[in-house]
Amino acid sequence: MSRPNPVKALNGVRSGHICDRCNKEVQTGDMVRAYAAHYDRDGWMLRRLWCEECGDSAIGEGTDGTDEAIIEAVL
């Protein structure tokens, strides 16, 4: 089954403004990385947000047993 594009699906979704790894406050205009997972019932959901310095660029081990994505965006 094809999933919608996570970037398009999450465009405009509000998220926290604190890095989940170092607790640094991220500002509007900062580059961030985010981890998202797709749940059949709810679609794509943001799970973690990282500042540019802390952001992961790959998924090591799957965490939720579902489709997962790392996206880069300007907050």
C-alpha atoms as a PDB file:
ATOM      1  CA  MET A   1       0.000   0.000   0.000  1.00  0.00           C
ATOM      2  CA  SER A   2       1.299   3.461  -0.897  1.00  0.00           C
ATOM      3  CA  ARG A   3       1.648   6.025   1.893  1.00  0.00           C
ATOM      4  CA  PRO A   4       1.205   9.756   1.353  1.00  0.00           C
ATOM      5  CA  ASN A   5       4.401  11.817   1.253  1.00  0.00           C
ATOM      6  CA  PRO A   6       5.307  12.547   4.907  1.00  0.00           C
ATOM      7  CA  VAL A   7       6.586  16.062   4.131  1.00  0.00           C
ATOM      8  CA  LYS A   8       3.346  17.057   2.395  1.00  0.00           C
ATOM      9  CA  ALA A   9       1.222  15.358   5.059  1.00  0.00           C
ATOM     10  CA  LEU A  10       3.059  17.120   7.909  1.00  0.00           C
ATOM     11  CA  ASN A  11       3.273  20.578   6.322  1.00  0.00           C
ATOM     12  CA  GLY A  12       1.788  23.033   8.806  1.00  0.00           C
ATOM     13  CA  VAL A  13       1.662  20.552  11.707  1.00  0.00           C
ATOM     14  CA  ARG A  14       2.721  22.270  14.906  1.00  0.00           C
ATOM     15  CA  SER A  15       5.467  20.717  16.979  1.00  0.00           C
ATOM     16  CA  GLY A  16       7.416  21.440  20.113  1.00  0.00           C
ATOM     17  CA  HIS A  17      10.138  24.037  19.989  1.00  0.00           C
ATOM     18  CA  ILE A  18      12.671  22.181  22.128  1.00  0.00           C
ATOM     19  CA  CYS A  19      15.243  19.698  20.798  1.00  0.00           C
ATOM     20  CA  ASP A  20      14.435  16.224  22.118  1.00  0.00           C
ATOM     21  CA  ARG A  21      18.150  15.440  22.570  1.00  0.00           C
ATOM     22  CA  CYS A  22      19.847  18.582  24.014  1.00  0.00           C
ATOM     23  CA  ASN A  23      16.797  20.619  25.134  1.00  0.00           C
ATOM     24  CA  LYS A  24      17.975  23.623  23.092  1.00  0.00           C
ATOM     25  CA  GLU A  25      15.159  25.982  22.122  1.00  0.00           C
ATOM     26  CA  VAL A  26      14.719  26.068  18.354  1.00  0.00           C
ATOM     27  CA  GLN A  27      13.520  29.273  16.750  1.00  0.00           C
ATOM     28  CA  THR A  28      11.393  29.985  13.697  1.00  0.00           C
ATOM     29  CA  GLY A  29      13.723  29.804  10.699  1.00  0.00           C
ATOM     30  CA  ASP A  30      16.035  27.161  12.235  1.00  0.00           C
ATOM     31  CA  MET A  31      16.740  23.958  10.318  1.00  0.00           C
ATOM     32  CA  VAL A  32      15.442  20.912  12.204  1.00  0.00           C
ATOM     33  CA  ARG A  33      15.169  17.184  11.665  1.00  0.00           C
ATOM     34  CA  ALA A  34      12.141  15.260  12.754  1.00  0.00           C
ATOM     35  CA  TYR A  35      11.213  11.610  13.096  1.00  0.00           C
ATOM     36  CA  ALA A  36       7.719  10.684  11.952  1.00  0.00           C
ATOM     37  CA  ALA A  37       5.824   7.397  11.945  1.00  0.00           C
ATOM     38  CA  HIS A  38       2.763   6.379   9.933  1.00  0.00           C
ATOM     39  CA  TYR A  39      -0.163   4.846  11.791  1.00  0.00           C
ATOM     40  CA  ASP A  40      -2.970   3.438   9.652  1.00  0.00           C
ATOM     41  CA  ARG A  41      -5.659   5.094  11.758  1.00  0.00           C
ATOM     42  CA  ASP A  42      -4.003   8.493  12.244  1.00  0.00           C
ATOM     43  CA  GLY A  43      -1.666   8.918   9.238  1.00  0.00           C
ATOM     44  CA  TRP A  44       1.781  10.511   9.669  1.00  0.00           C
ATOM     45  CA  MET A  45       2.558  11.769  13.160  1.00  0.00           C
ATOM     46  CA  LEU A  46       5.645  13.639  14.380  1.00  0.00           C
ATOM     47  CA  ARG A  47       7.334  11.723  17.162  1.00  0.00           C
ATOM     48  CA  ARG A  48      10.641  13.585  17.776  1.00  0.00           C
ATOM     49  CA  LEU A  49      12.189  16.933  16.868  1.00  0.00           C
ATOM     50  CA  TRP A  50      15.929  17.688  16.845  1.00  0.00           C
ATOM     51  CA  CYS A  51      17.964  20.852  16.306  1.00  0.00           C
ATOM     52  CA  GLU A  52      20.383  20.873  13.365  1.00  0.00           C
ATOM     53  CA  GLU A  53      23.361  19.858  15.548  1.00  0.00           C
ATOM     54  CA  CYS A  54      21.616  16.865  17.152  1.00  0.00           C
ATOM     55  CA  GLY A  55      19.470  15.614  14.296  1.00  0.00           C
ATOM     56  CA  ASP A  56      19.735  12.039  13.121  1.00  0.00           C
ATOM     57  CA  SER A  57      19.899  11.533   9.362  1.00  0.00           C
ATOM     58  CA  ALA A  58      18.965   7.850   9.354  1.00  0.00           C
ATOM     59  CA  ILE A  59      16.747   5.469  11.252  1.00  0.00           C
ATOM     60  CA  GLY A  60      18.841   2.885  13.078  1.00  0.00           C
ATOM     61  CA  GLU A  61      16.417   0.349  14.441  1.00  0.00           C
ATOM     62  CA  GLY A  62      12.722   0.652  13.756  1.00  0.00           C
ATOM     63  CA  THR A  63      10.871   1.733  16.844  1.00  0.00           C
ATOM     64  CA  ASP A  64       7.187   1.327  16.136  1.00  0.00           C
ATOM     65  CA  GLY A  65       6.924  -1.521  13.638  1.00  0.00           C
ATOM     66  CA  THR A  66       5.429   0.832  11.067  1.00  0.00           C
ATOM     67  CA  ASP A  67       6.579   3.054   8.196  1.00  0.00           C
ATOM     68  CA  GLU A  68       9.010   5.661   9.509  1.00  0.00           C
ATOM     69  CA  ALA A  69      10.718   8.736   8.053  1.00  0.00           C
ATOM     70  CA  ILE A  70      13.338  11.316   8.959  1.00  0.00           C
ATOM     71  CA  ILE A  71      12.522  14.706   7.456  1.00  0.00           C
ATOM     72  CA  GLU A  72      14.474  17.951   7.329  1.00  0.00           C
ATOM     73  CA  ALA A  73      12.606  21.226   7.442  1.00  0.00           C
ATOM     74  CA  VAL A  74      12.868  24.866   8.342  1.00  0.00           C
ATOM     75  CA  LEU A  75      10.747  25.498  11.420  1.00  0.00           C
END
